[in-house]
Amino acid sequence: MALDLIGFGYAALVTVGGIVGYLKAGSFTSLLAGLVFGSLSAAGAYLSSQDPNHVWLSLGSSGTLAVVMALRFLNSWKFMPAGLMALASGLMVVRIVAGILIPIIKRPHRV
């Protein structure tokens, strides 16, 4: 099976974002959220690398982060960091859902 490099890259972005939030603003919440969601995303990327049908952990973590960060962005209207993370997480959700739906759509239909 091929490694889910995009998933691992997303996990790294989330983790590094949490660390940077802690270093720049002293936000322990950012650090904790970055480490937790980065770890969940990395575990999800590992699982989907082992079996492409195991996408639920990735979908749950990126979906949750997309909603939370989109709400933070809508409250602040600041792209960094909430808008960036909402965008990246939303793109991950679209990627995962497309990966689920495209094989279903391409399957031959019986009449």
Protein backbone atom coordinates (compact mmCIF):
# COMPACT_ATOMS: atom_id res chain seq x y z
CA MET A 1 0.00 0.00 0.00
CA ALA A 2 1.15 3.52 -0.73
CA LEU A 3 1.74 5.95 2.09
CA ASP A 4 -0.84 8.69 2.52
CA LEU A 5 1.72 11.47 2.12
CA ILE A 6 -0.93 14.18 1.93
CA GLY A 7 -2.44 12.91 5.19
CA PHE A 8 0.94 12.85 6.91
CA GLY A 9 1.69 16.35 5.58
CA TYR A 10 -1.61 17.59 6.97
CA ALA A 11 -0.82 15.98 10.33
CA ALA A 12 2.56 17.74 10.36
CA LEU A 13 0.90 21.08 9.50
CA VAL A 14 -1.56 20.70 12.38
CA THR A 15 1.17 19.72 14.84
CA VAL A 16 3.55 22.49 13.81
CA GLY A 17 0.67 24.99 13.90
CA GLY A 18 -0.04 24.07 17.52
CA ILE A 19 3.62 24.40 18.47
CA VAL A 20 3.95 27.77 16.72
CA GLY A 21 0.76 28.99 18.44
CA TYR A 22 2.31 28.10 21.78
CA LEU A 23 5.68 29.69 21.01
CA LYS A 24 4.27 32.93 19.55
CA ALA A 25 1.24 33.53 21.77
CA GLY A 26 1.95 31.33 24.77
CA SER A 27 -1.29 29.45 24.09
CA PHE A 28 -1.20 26.11 25.87
CA THR A 29 -4.58 25.32 24.29
CA SER A 30 -3.06 25.66 20.82
CA LEU A 31 -0.21 23.37 21.80
CA LEU A 32 -2.53 20.75 23.25
CA ALA A 33 -4.98 20.90 20.32
CA GLY A 34 -2.14 20.77 17.79
CA LEU A 35 -0.58 17.74 19.43
CA VAL A 36 -3.89 15.90 19.88
CA PHE A 37 -5.30 16.60 16.42
CA GLY A 38 -1.89 16.16 14.77
CA SER A 39 -1.52 12.75 16.42
CA LEU A 40 -5.05 11.72 15.44
CA SER A 41 -4.43 12.87 11.87
CA ALA A 42 -1.13 10.98 11.71
CA ALA A 43 -2.80 7.84 13.06
CA GLY A 44 -5.57 8.27 10.49
CA ALA A 45 -3.03 8.68 7.70
CA TYR A 46 -1.25 5.52 8.87
CA LEU A 47 -4.52 3.57 8.97
CA SER A 48 -5.56 4.73 5.51
CA SER A 49 -2.08 3.81 4.25
CA GLN A 50 -2.65 0.26 5.50
CA ASP A 51 -6.21 0.00 4.14
CA PRO A 52 -7.78 2.71 1.97
CA ASN A 53 -11.18 1.96 3.55
CA HIS A 54 -10.00 3.05 7.02
CA VAL A 55 -10.60 6.77 6.58
CA TRP A 56 -12.96 7.42 9.48
CA LEU A 57 -10.35 8.64 11.97
CA SER A 58 -8.94 11.05 9.39
CA LEU A 59 -12.41 12.22 8.43
CA GLY A 60 -13.44 12.75 12.04
CA SER A 61 -10.34 14.65 13.08
CA SER A 62 -10.14 16.86 9.99
CA GLY A 63 -13.92 17.45 10.02
CA THR A 64 -13.88 18.49 13.65
CA LEU A 65 -10.92 20.78 13.13
CA ALA A 66 -12.54 22.28 10.01
CA VAL A 67 -15.68 23.22 11.93
CA VAL A 68 -13.87 24.56 15.01
CA MET A 69 -11.38 26.62 13.02
CA ALA A 70 -14.05 27.91 10.61
CA LEU A 71 -16.03 29.20 13.59
CA ARG A 72 -12.91 30.86 15.00
CA PHE A 73 -12.22 32.43 11.60
CA LEU A 74 -15.78 33.74 11.32
CA ASN A 75 -15.46 35.32 14.77
CA SER A 76 -12.11 37.00 14.10
CA TRP A 77 -11.89 37.35 10.29
CA LYS A 78 -8.14 36.70 10.63
CA PHE A 79 -6.76 34.26 8.09
CA MET A 80 -3.83 33.27 10.29
CA PRO A 81 -4.10 30.77 11.87
CA ALA A 82 -7.84 30.01 11.97
CA GLY A 83 -8.56 30.61 8.28
CA LEU A 84 -5.56 28.60 7.13
CA MET A 85 -6.44 25.64 9.32
CA ALA A 86 -10.12 25.81 8.34
CA LEU A 87 -9.11 25.81 4.67
CA ALA A 88 -6.58 22.97 5.04
CA SER A 89 -8.99 20.90 7.13
CA GLY A 90 -11.86 21.55 4.73
CA LEU A 91 -9.71 20.44 1.80
CA MET A 92 -8.84 17.25 3.70
CA VAL A 93 -12.54 16.57 4.28
CA VAL A 94 -13.26 17.08 0.56
CA ARG A 95 -10.35 14.78 -0.36
CA ILE A 96 -11.52 12.03 1.99
CA VAL A 97 -15.19 12.24 0.96
CA ALA A 98 -14.19 12.24 -2.73
CA GLY A 99 -12.07 9.14 -2.07
CA ILE A 100 -15.13 7.45 -0.60
CA LEU A 101 -17.63 8.54 -3.27
CA ILE A 102 -15.67 8.27 -6.53
CA PRO A 103 -15.30 4.46 -6.41
CA ILE A 104 -19.03 4.18 -5.64
CA ILE A 105 -19.95 6.44 -8.56
CA LYS A 106 -17.65 4.58 -10.98
CA ARG A 107 -19.01 1.16 -9.99
CA PRO A 108 -21.07 -0.44 -12.79
CA HIS A 109 -24.79 -0.28 -12.04
CA ARG A 110 -27.02 -3.32 -12.41
CA VAL A 111 -30.34 -2.85 -14.06
